[in-house]
Amino acid sequence: MSPVLATNRAGNLVRALITIALLALIMRTAYLLWVFHTPAWTSRPHDIHYCGGWYERQETADVSGAQARKLAGGRLKQVMRSPVLRPIAAYRPGSACPRYVFAKVGEDTYVTYEITND
């Protein structure tokens, strides 16, 4: 008999673990949608909240690390990371609030975000 269908302790344990896993997956997706406006299967949210303002994704092709450093005018530094299995990291240069923020989506691939004029 399958452990899921069993009526003994093993069946109860398996059912409890499956329930916990499903709840964790649902809550993780809800958290990502609420905070980052993106589901778990993408690292390209439409906007990122950083440095007291909102950065909007640019509808341009992904850039390499060298292109991102050139556009940013300096070395890129990680500034935030989501505490989930597939983290979203934003990178920026220097210590001031930058005009551009970059989300790393590959080994050397970044999505460009520009600060909005709100």
N, C-alpha and C. Protein backbone atom coordinates (compact mmCIF):
# COMPACT_ATOMS: atom_id res chain seq x y z
N MET A 1 0.84 -1.18 0.00
CA MET A 1 0.00 0.00 0.00
C MET A 1 0.89 1.25 0.00
N SER A 2 0.46 2.26 -0.69
CA SER A 2 1.20 3.52 -0.74
C SER A 2 1.27 4.18 0.64
N PRO A 3 2.44 4.76 1.00
CA PRO A 3 2.53 5.43 2.31
C PRO A 3 1.55 6.59 2.46
N VAL A 4 1.16 7.20 1.36
CA VAL A 4 0.22 8.33 1.42
C VAL A 4 -1.17 7.84 1.82
N LEU A 5 -1.54 6.65 1.36
CA LEU A 5 -2.87 6.10 1.65
C LEU A 5 -2.92 5.32 2.95
N ALA A 6 -1.76 4.99 3.51
CA ALA A 6 -1.71 4.19 4.74
C ALA A 6 -2.37 4.94 5.90
N THR A 7 -2.97 4.19 6.79
CA THR A 7 -3.67 4.80 7.92
C THR A 7 -2.83 4.80 9.19
N ASN A 8 -1.59 4.33 9.13
CA ASN A 8 -0.75 4.29 10.32
C ASN A 8 0.08 5.58 10.46
N ARG A 9 1.06 5.54 11.35
CA ARG A 9 1.89 6.72 11.60
C ARG A 9 2.67 7.16 10.37
N ALA A 10 3.18 6.22 9.61
CA ALA A 10 3.94 6.54 8.40
C ALA A 10 3.07 7.32 7.41
N GLY A 11 1.84 6.89 7.24
CA GLY A 11 0.92 7.60 6.34
C GLY A 11 0.63 9.01 6.83
N ASN A 12 0.42 9.13 8.14
CA ASN A 12 0.16 10.47 8.70
C ASN A 12 1.37 11.39 8.50
N LEU A 13 2.57 10.84 8.71
CA LEU A 13 3.78 11.64 8.55
C LEU A 13 3.95 12.08 7.09
N VAL A 14 3.76 11.17 6.17
CA VAL A 14 3.90 11.50 4.74
C VAL A 14 2.87 12.56 4.34
N ARG A 15 1.64 12.40 4.76
CA ARG A 15 0.61 13.39 4.43
C ARG A 15 0.94 14.75 5.04
N ALA A 16 1.44 14.75 6.28
CA ALA A 16 1.80 16.01 6.93
C ALA A 16 2.95 16.69 6.19
N LEU A 17 3.96 15.94 5.77
CA LEU A 17 5.08 16.52 5.03
C LEU A 17 4.64 17.08 3.68
N ILE A 18 3.77 16.38 3.00
CA ILE A 18 3.26 16.88 1.71
C ILE A 18 2.46 18.16 1.93
N THR A 19 1.64 18.21 2.96
CA THR A 19 0.85 19.41 3.26
C THR A 19 1.76 20.59 3.59
N ILE A 20 2.79 20.35 4.40
CA ILE A 20 3.73 21.42 4.76
C ILE A 20 4.46 21.93 3.51
N ALA A 21 4.89 21.02 2.65
CA ALA A 21 5.58 21.42 1.42
C ALA A 21 4.68 22.25 0.52
N LEU A 22 3.44 21.85 0.37
CA LEU A 22 2.50 22.63 -0.47
C LEU A 22 2.24 24.01 0.12
N LEU A 23 2.05 24.08 1.43
CA LEU A 23 1.84 25.38 2.08
C LEU A 23 3.06 26.29 1.92
N ALA A 24 4.26 25.72 2.07
CA ALA A 24 5.48 26.52 1.91
C ALA A 24 5.60 27.05 0.48
N LEU A 25 5.28 26.22 -0.50
CA LEU A 25 5.34 26.65 -1.90
C LEU A 25 4.32 27.75 -2.19
N ILE A 26 3.12 27.61 -1.68
CA ILE A 26 2.07 28.63 -1.89
C ILE A 26 2.45 29.94 -1.20
N MET A 27 2.94 29.86 0.04
CA MET A 27 3.31 31.08 0.78
C MET A 27 4.52 31.77 0.14
N ARG A 28 5.46 31.00 -0.39
CA ARG A 28 6.63 31.58 -1.06
C ARG A 28 6.19 32.34 -2.31
N THR A 29 5.32 31.75 -3.08
CA THR A 29 4.82 32.42 -4.28
C THR A 29 4.05 33.68 -3.91
N ALA A 30 3.23 33.62 -2.89
CA ALA A 30 2.48 34.81 -2.44
C ALA A 30 3.43 35.90 -1.97
N TYR A 31 4.48 35.52 -1.24
CA TYR A 31 5.47 36.49 -0.77
C TYR A 31 6.15 37.18 -1.95
N LEU A 32 6.58 36.41 -2.95
CA LEU A 32 7.25 37.00 -4.11
C LEU A 32 6.32 37.92 -4.88
N LEU A 33 5.07 37.52 -5.05
CA LEU A 33 4.12 38.37 -5.77
C LEU A 33 3.84 39.65 -5.00
N TRP A 34 3.79 39.58 -3.68
CA TRP A 34 3.48 40.74 -2.86
C TRP A 34 4.66 41.71 -2.80
N VAL A 35 5.86 41.20 -2.53
CA VAL A 35 7.02 42.07 -2.32
C VAL A 35 7.68 42.46 -3.63
N PHE A 36 7.88 41.51 -4.53
CA PHE A 36 8.64 41.78 -5.75
C PHE A 36 7.78 41.85 -7.00
N HIS A 37 6.48 41.64 -6.87
CA HIS A 37 5.56 41.68 -8.01
C HIS A 37 5.98 40.70 -9.10
N THR A 38 6.52 39.57 -8.69
CA THR A 38 6.94 38.56 -9.65
C THR A 38 6.75 37.18 -9.05
N PRO A 39 6.40 36.18 -9.84
CA PRO A 39 6.31 34.82 -9.32
C PRO A 39 7.71 34.21 -9.15
N ALA A 40 7.76 33.04 -8.58
CA ALA A 40 9.05 32.42 -8.25
C ALA A 40 9.84 32.00 -9.47
N TRP A 41 9.19 31.81 -10.61
CA TRP A 41 9.91 31.27 -11.76
C TRP A 41 10.57 32.34 -12.63
N THR A 42 10.57 33.57 -12.19
CA THR A 42 11.25 34.61 -12.95
C THR A 42 12.03 35.52 -12.02
N SER A 43 13.11 36.09 -12.52
CA SER A 43 13.90 37.05 -11.77
C SER A 43 13.83 38.42 -12.45
N ARG A 44 12.74 38.68 -13.13
CA ARG A 44 12.60 39.93 -13.87
C ARG A 44 11.31 40.66 -13.47
N PRO A 45 11.24 41.14 -12.24
CA PRO A 45 10.04 41.87 -11.85
C PRO A 45 9.93 43.18 -12.64
N HIS A 46 8.73 43.72 -12.72
CA HIS A 46 8.51 44.96 -13.47
C HIS A 46 9.16 46.16 -12.79
N ASP A 47 9.19 46.14 -11.46
CA ASP A 47 9.85 47.23 -10.75
C ASP A 47 10.49 46.72 -9.47
N ILE A 48 11.48 47.46 -8.99
CA ILE A 48 12.22 47.12 -7.78
C ILE A 48 12.20 48.33 -6.86
N HIS A 49 11.89 48.12 -5.59
CA HIS A 49 11.92 49.21 -4.62
C HIS A 49 13.29 49.22 -3.95
N TYR A 50 14.01 50.33 -4.10
CA TYR A 50 15.34 50.44 -3.52
C TYR A 50 15.69 51.91 -3.30
N CYS A 51 16.42 52.19 -2.25
CA CYS A 51 16.95 53.54 -1.99
C CYS A 51 15.83 54.57 -1.87
N GLY A 52 14.71 54.15 -1.30
CA GLY A 52 13.60 55.07 -1.08
C GLY A 52 12.77 55.38 -2.30
N GLY A 53 13.03 54.73 -3.42
CA GLY A 53 12.26 54.99 -4.64
C GLY A 53 12.03 53.72 -5.42
N TRP A 54 11.32 53.86 -6.52
CA TRP A 54 11.01 52.71 -7.38
C TRP A 54 11.82 52.78 -8.67
N TYR A 55 12.37 51.64 -9.03
CA TYR A 55 13.11 51.50 -10.28
C TYR A 55 12.27 50.65 -11.22
N GLU A 56 12.09 51.13 -12.44
CA GLU A 56 11.26 50.44 -13.42
C GLU A 56 12.13 49.72 -14.44
N ARG A 57 11.73 48.50 -14.79
CA ARG A 57 12.50 47.71 -15.75
C ARG A 57 12.51 48.37 -17.11
N GLN A 58 13.66 48.45 -17.72
CA GLN A 58 13.80 48.99 -19.06
C GLN A 58 13.49 47.90 -20.07
N GLU A 59 12.77 48.25 -21.10
CA GLU A 59 12.41 47.28 -22.13
C GLU A 59 13.52 47.18 -23.17
N THR A 60 14.73 46.90 -22.69
CA THR A 60 15.88 46.73 -23.57
C THR A 60 16.42 45.32 -23.39
N ALA A 61 17.32 44.94 -24.27
CA ALA A 61 17.92 43.61 -24.18
C ALA A 61 18.78 43.52 -22.91
N ASP A 62 18.95 42.31 -22.40
CA ASP A 62 19.81 42.10 -21.24
C ASP A 62 21.23 42.55 -21.56
N VAL A 63 21.93 43.03 -20.54
CA VAL A 63 23.30 43.52 -20.74
C VAL A 63 24.28 42.61 -20.01
N SER A 64 25.54 42.66 -20.44
CA SER A 64 26.59 41.90 -19.77
C SER A 64 27.11 42.71 -18.60
N GLY A 65 27.98 42.09 -17.81
CA GLY A 65 28.56 42.79 -16.67
C GLY A 65 29.36 44.01 -17.09
N ALA A 66 30.10 43.89 -18.18
CA ALA A 66 30.90 45.02 -18.67
C ALA A 66 30.00 46.18 -19.12
N GLN A 67 28.93 45.85 -19.83
CA GLN A 67 27.99 46.90 -20.26
C GLN A 67 27.30 47.55 -19.07
N ALA A 68 26.95 46.74 -18.07
CA ALA A 68 26.30 47.29 -16.88
C ALA A 68 27.24 48.22 -16.13
N ARG A 69 28.52 47.83 -15.98
CA ARG A 69 29.49 48.71 -15.31
C ARG A 69 29.68 50.00 -16.07
N LYS A 70 29.70 49.92 -17.40
CA LYS A 70 29.87 51.13 -18.22
C LYS A 70 28.66 52.04 -18.07
N LEU A 71 27.46 51.47 -18.09
CA LEU A 71 26.24 52.26 -17.94
C LEU A 71 26.13 52.87 -16.54
N ALA A 72 26.54 52.10 -15.54
CA ALA A 72 26.45 52.56 -14.16
C ALA A 72 27.55 53.54 -13.81
N GLY A 73 28.65 53.50 -14.53
CA GLY A 73 29.75 54.40 -14.24
C GLY A 73 30.63 53.93 -13.10
N GLY A 74 30.65 52.65 -12.82
CA GLY A 74 31.51 52.14 -11.76
C GLY A 74 31.27 50.67 -11.50
N ARG A 75 31.97 50.18 -10.48
CA ARG A 75 31.85 48.78 -10.11
C ARG A 75 30.47 48.48 -9.54
N LEU A 76 29.96 47.29 -9.82
CA LEU A 76 28.64 46.92 -9.32
C LEU A 76 28.77 46.27 -7.95
N LYS A 77 27.84 46.60 -7.07
CA LYS A 77 27.83 46.06 -5.71
C LYS A 77 26.44 45.54 -5.41
N GLN A 78 26.34 44.36 -4.82
CA GLN A 78 25.03 43.80 -4.49
C GLN A 78 24.41 44.61 -3.37
N VAL A 79 23.12 44.93 -3.52
CA VAL A 79 22.46 45.76 -2.52
C VAL A 79 21.28 45.09 -1.84
N MET A 80 20.66 44.11 -2.45
CA MET A 80 19.57 43.41 -1.78
C MET A 80 19.42 42.02 -2.35
N ARG A 81 18.89 41.15 -1.52
CA ARG A 81 18.70 39.76 -1.93
C ARG A 81 17.45 39.24 -1.26
N SER A 82 16.60 38.62 -2.03
CA SER A 82 15.36 38.08 -1.50
C SER A 82 15.65 36.78 -0.75
N PRO A 83 15.08 36.58 0.43
CA PRO A 83 15.35 35.36 1.19
C PRO A 83 14.50 34.18 0.74
N VAL A 84 14.55 33.87 -0.54
CA VAL A 84 13.79 32.75 -1.10
C VAL A 84 14.73 31.88 -1.90
N LEU A 85 14.23 30.75 -2.39
CA LEU A 85 15.10 29.80 -3.07
C LEU A 85 15.73 30.38 -4.33
N ARG A 86 15.00 31.16 -5.11
CA ARG A 86 15.58 31.79 -6.29
C ARG A 86 15.66 33.28 -6.03
N PRO A 87 16.79 33.77 -5.50
CA PRO A 87 16.86 35.16 -5.06
C PRO A 87 16.91 36.16 -6.21
N ILE A 88 16.43 37.34 -5.94
CA ILE A 88 16.52 38.45 -6.86
C ILE A 88 17.54 39.41 -6.27
N ALA A 89 18.63 39.65 -6.97
CA ALA A 89 19.67 40.53 -6.46
C ALA A 89 19.75 41.77 -7.32
N ALA A 90 19.85 42.92 -6.69
CA ALA A 90 20.03 44.17 -7.42
C ALA A 90 21.46 44.64 -7.19
N TYR A 91 22.06 45.21 -8.20
CA TYR A 91 23.43 45.69 -8.13
C TYR A 91 23.47 47.17 -8.47
N ARG A 92 24.36 47.89 -7.82
CA ARG A 92 24.49 49.32 -8.07
C ARG A 92 25.92 49.75 -7.79
N PRO A 93 26.36 50.91 -8.31
CA PRO A 93 27.70 51.41 -8.04
C PRO A 93 27.71 52.39 -6.87
N GLY A 94 28.86 52.58 -6.26
CA GLY A 94 29.07 53.64 -5.28
C GLY A 94 28.16 53.58 -4.07
N SER A 95 28.04 54.71 -3.38
CA SER A 95 27.26 54.76 -2.15
C SER A 95 25.99 55.60 -2.28
N ALA A 96 25.91 56.46 -3.30
CA ALA A 96 24.71 57.29 -3.48
C ALA A 96 23.62 56.49 -4.19
N CYS A 97 22.40 57.01 -4.16
CA CYS A 97 21.31 56.37 -4.89
C CYS A 97 21.57 56.51 -6.39
N PRO A 98 21.71 55.41 -7.09
CA PRO A 98 22.07 55.47 -8.51
C PRO A 98 20.86 55.71 -9.40
N ARG A 99 21.14 56.07 -10.64
CA ARG A 99 20.07 56.21 -11.63
C ARG A 99 19.64 54.83 -12.12
N TYR A 100 20.60 53.92 -12.24
CA TYR A 100 20.32 52.58 -12.74
C TYR A 100 20.60 51.53 -11.67
N VAL A 101 19.79 50.49 -11.64
CA VAL A 101 19.99 49.32 -10.80
C VAL A 101 19.88 48.12 -11.73
N PHE A 102 20.66 47.08 -11.46
CA PHE A 102 20.70 45.92 -12.34
C PHE A 102 20.35 44.66 -11.57
N ALA A 103 19.47 43.85 -12.11
CA ALA A 103 19.12 42.57 -11.49
C ALA A 103 19.86 41.48 -12.24
N LYS A 104 20.62 40.68 -11.51
CA LYS A 104 21.39 39.60 -12.13
C LYS A 104 20.46 38.43 -12.40
N VAL A 105 20.40 38.01 -13.65
CA VAL A 105 19.51 36.90 -14.03
C VAL A 105 20.27 35.74 -14.65
N GLY A 106 21.57 35.86 -14.78
CA GLY A 106 22.38 34.79 -15.34
C GLY A 106 23.80 34.93 -14.84
N GLU A 107 24.71 34.10 -15.37
CA GLU A 107 26.11 34.15 -14.94
C GLU A 107 26.71 35.53 -15.18
N ASP A 108 26.49 36.09 -16.35
CA ASP A 108 26.97 37.44 -16.67
C ASP A 108 25.88 38.19 -17.43
N THR A 109 24.66 38.10 -16.95
CA THR A 109 23.51 38.72 -17.60
C THR A 109 22.73 39.54 -16.59
N TYR A 110 22.43 40.78 -16.95
CA TYR A 110 21.73 41.69 -16.06
C TYR A 110 20.55 42.34 -16.77
N VAL A 111 19.48 42.56 -16.01
CA VAL A 111 18.34 43.33 -16.50
C VAL A 111 18.50 44.75 -15.95
N THR A 112 18.25 45.74 -16.79
CA THR A 112 18.47 47.14 -16.41
C THR A 112 17.18 47.76 -15.87
N TYR A 113 17.30 48.45 -14.74
CA TYR A 113 16.20 49.20 -14.14
C TYR A 113 16.62 50.66 -14.03
N GLU A 114 15.70 51.57 -14.32
CA GLU A 114 15.98 53.00 -14.21
C GLU A 114 15.01 53.61 -13.18
N ILE A 115 15.52 54.56 -12.40
CA ILE A 115 14.67 55.16 -11.37
C ILE A 115 13.53 55.92 -12.03
N THR A 116 12.35 55.84 -11.44
CA THR A 116 11.18 56.55 -11.98
C THR A 116 11.16 57.97 -11.44
N ASN A 117 10.43 58.82 -12.08
CA ASN A 117 10.35 60.23 -11.70
C ASN A 117 9.17 60.52 -10.80
N ASP A 118 8.78 59.58 -9.97
CA ASP A 118 7.61 59.77 -9.07
C ASP A 118 7.91 60.77 -8.01
